[in-house]
Amino acid sequence: YYVDFPSGMVRDVNGNGNDALTWDFAAVRDATPPTILGRLPSPGGFTRPQLACILTLSEPVQAGPGEFVFFPLSPATASLVKVPASEVEIRGSEVTVAPRA
């Protein structure tokens, strides 16, 4: 890209305009996937049913395809819980999964 910022494009409160400025730069596609930096509850930890699980990632993220699924450790003690998108909240680099089931 090439940017041409002409003189006088912006002015201070006294009416003084900026000097002209030009520069160029290259735009590079981010090819590094986000990594998980933290998770709550922690691996092997405990939580009560219906409490949120939180993932903290290395960069801001947005929703993609698929769904969160909670699998029981023991099939005899719990049932599979698929979490719909309405129960997932993304804020910057934090993903909160709060199943209601």
Protein backbone atom coordinates (compact mmCIF):
# COMPACT_ATOMS: atom_id res chain seq x y z
CA TYR A 1 0.00 0.00 0.00
CA TYR A 2 0.99 3.58 -0.55
CA VAL A 3 -0.37 6.39 1.63
CA ASP A 4 -0.38 10.05 0.72
CA PHE A 5 -1.30 12.31 3.64
CA PRO A 6 -1.40 15.84 2.17
CA SER A 7 -0.49 18.96 4.13
CA GLY A 8 -3.36 20.61 5.95
CA MET A 9 -5.47 17.40 6.27
CA VAL A 10 -5.68 17.95 10.01
CA ARG A 11 -5.32 21.10 12.02
CA ASP A 12 -4.69 21.88 15.66
CA VAL A 13 -6.91 24.21 17.70
CA ASN A 14 -4.87 27.21 16.47
CA GLY A 15 -5.41 26.32 12.79
CA ASN A 16 -1.90 24.98 12.13
CA GLY A 17 -2.01 22.25 9.49
CA ASN A 18 0.13 19.14 9.34
CA ASP A 19 3.07 18.72 6.99
CA ALA A 20 2.65 16.44 3.98
CA LEU A 21 3.63 12.85 4.55
CA THR A 22 3.85 9.77 2.34
CA TRP A 23 4.78 6.21 3.14
CA ASP A 24 4.32 2.67 1.93
CA PHE A 25 3.87 -0.65 3.67
CA ALA A 26 2.90 -4.25 2.99
CA ALA A 27 -0.13 -5.97 4.50
CA VAL A 28 0.48 -9.53 5.64
CA ARG A 29 -2.27 -12.06 6.36
CA ASP A 30 -2.23 -13.45 9.90
CA ALA A 31 -1.56 -17.18 9.40
CA THR A 32 -0.98 -18.02 13.07
CA PRO A 33 -3.96 -19.68 14.76
CA PRO A 34 -4.93 -18.58 18.27
CA THR A 35 -3.60 -20.69 21.12
CA ILE A 36 -5.27 -21.42 24.44
CA LEU A 37 -3.50 -19.59 27.26
CA GLY A 38 -5.85 -20.48 30.09
CA ARG A 39 -9.01 -22.36 30.98
CA LEU A 40 -11.40 -22.45 33.91
CA PRO A 41 -12.03 -24.75 35.55
CA SER A 42 -8.45 -25.91 35.24
CA PRO A 43 -7.72 -29.38 33.85
CA GLY A 44 -8.60 -31.93 36.53
CA GLY A 45 -10.40 -29.23 38.51
CA PHE A 46 -13.93 -29.18 39.79
CA THR A 47 -16.98 -27.01 39.18
CA ARG A 48 -20.68 -27.18 39.92
CA PRO A 49 -23.12 -28.02 37.12
CA GLN A 50 -24.37 -25.03 35.12
CA LEU A 51 -21.33 -22.89 35.93
CA ALA A 52 -19.46 -21.29 33.05
CA CYS A 53 -16.29 -22.64 31.51
CA ILE A 54 -13.89 -19.96 30.28
CA LEU A 55 -11.16 -20.19 27.64
CA THR A 56 -8.55 -17.43 27.31
CA LEU A 57 -6.84 -17.29 23.92
CA SER A 58 -3.71 -15.60 22.59
CA GLU A 59 -5.63 -13.12 20.40
CA PRO A 60 -9.17 -11.82 19.82
CA VAL A 61 -11.41 -14.46 18.21
CA GLN A 62 -14.82 -14.76 16.60
CA ALA A 63 -17.27 -17.61 16.30
CA GLY A 64 -16.59 -20.32 13.77
CA PRO A 65 -18.49 -23.45 12.73
CA GLY A 66 -19.20 -26.26 15.16
CA GLU A 67 -20.46 -26.52 18.69
CA PHE A 68 -19.15 -27.02 22.19
CA VAL A 69 -19.96 -30.43 23.61
CA PHE A 70 -19.56 -31.47 27.23
CA PHE A 71 -18.81 -35.18 27.51
CA PRO A 72 -19.25 -37.06 30.78
CA LEU A 73 -16.17 -38.68 32.31
CA SER A 74 -18.35 -41.64 33.21
CA PRO A 75 -21.36 -42.50 31.04
CA ALA A 76 -23.15 -43.79 34.12
CA THR A 77 -23.04 -40.44 35.96
CA ALA A 78 -23.91 -37.78 33.39
CA SER A 79 -25.28 -37.18 29.92
CA LEU A 80 -23.79 -35.55 26.85
CA VAL A 81 -24.53 -31.79 26.68
CA LYS A 82 -24.39 -29.97 23.34
CA VAL A 83 -24.09 -26.23 23.88
CA PRO A 84 -25.94 -23.97 21.40
CA ALA A 85 -24.38 -20.72 20.19
CA SER A 86 -26.78 -18.74 22.38
CA GLU A 87 -24.94 -20.11 25.44
CA VAL A 88 -21.48 -19.10 24.19
CA GLU A 89 -20.18 -15.55 24.62
CA ILE A 90 -17.03 -14.20 22.98
CA ARG A 91 -15.40 -11.00 24.22
CA GLY A 92 -12.09 -10.28 22.56
CA SER A 93 -9.82 -13.18 23.45
CA GLU A 94 -12.12 -14.74 26.06
CA VAL A 95 -14.73 -17.41 25.29
CA THR A 96 -17.32 -18.18 27.96
CA VAL A 97 -19.42 -21.33 27.63
CA ALA A 98 -22.40 -21.37 29.99
CA PRO A 99 -24.58 -24.43 29.37
CA ARG A 100 -28.08 -24.24 30.83
CA ALA A 101 -28.72 -28.00 30.70
